[in-house]
């Protein structure tokens, strides 16, 4: 079962997420999802 989380970001981080989303034609939610997955994968190393 999927879980939902709420993320609150400073304006500068939100702007970076928005920029990545536009660049890769993704939603902000998908950008955050991918960033979290990568961070968790990196922490396993």
Protein backbone atom coordinates (compact mmCIF):
# COMPACT_ATOMS: atom_id res chain seq x y z
CA UNK A 1 0.00 0.00 0.00
CA UNK A 2 1.28 3.46 -0.87
CA UNK A 3 1.85 6.11 1.77
CA UNK A 4 1.38 9.81 1.36
CA UNK A 5 3.67 12.44 2.78
CA UNK A 6 3.55 16.21 2.79
CA UNK A 7 6.76 18.06 1.97
CA UNK A 8 7.25 21.75 2.74
CA UNK A 9 10.20 23.39 0.99
CA UNK A 10 11.84 26.78 1.13
CA UNK A 11 11.30 28.94 -1.93
CA UNK A 12 14.76 28.23 -3.34
CA UNK A 13 14.27 24.46 -3.17
CA UNK A 14 10.77 24.78 -4.61
CA UNK A 15 12.15 26.84 -7.47
CA UNK A 16 14.76 24.17 -8.19
CA UNK A 17 12.12 21.43 -8.16
CA UNK A 18 9.96 23.50 -10.53
CA UNK A 19 12.91 24.06 -12.87
CA UNK A 20 13.74 20.35 -12.99
CA UNK A 21 10.09 19.50 -13.61
CA UNK A 22 9.92 21.93 -16.55
CA UNK A 23 13.23 20.77 -18.00
CA UNK A 24 12.23 17.10 -18.02
CA UNK A 25 8.49 17.65 -18.57
CA UNK A 26 7.57 16.01 -15.26
CA UNK A 27 5.25 16.99 -12.44
CA UNK A 28 6.74 18.42 -9.28
CA UNK A 29 5.48 15.33 -7.46
CA UNK A 30 7.41 13.04 -9.81
CA UNK A 31 10.59 15.09 -9.39
CA UNK A 32 10.32 14.83 -5.60
CA UNK A 33 9.54 11.10 -5.83
CA UNK A 34 12.64 10.50 -7.97
CA UNK A 35 14.85 12.64 -5.74
CA UNK A 36 13.74 10.69 -2.67
CA UNK A 37 14.30 7.34 -4.40
CA UNK A 38 17.82 8.40 -5.44
CA UNK A 39 18.67 9.73 -1.98
CA UNK A 40 17.51 6.48 -0.37
CA UNK A 41 19.45 4.39 -2.91
CA UNK A 42 22.57 6.49 -2.26
CA UNK A 43 22.19 5.99 1.50
CA UNK A 44 22.31 2.21 1.00
CA UNK A 45 25.84 2.41 -0.45
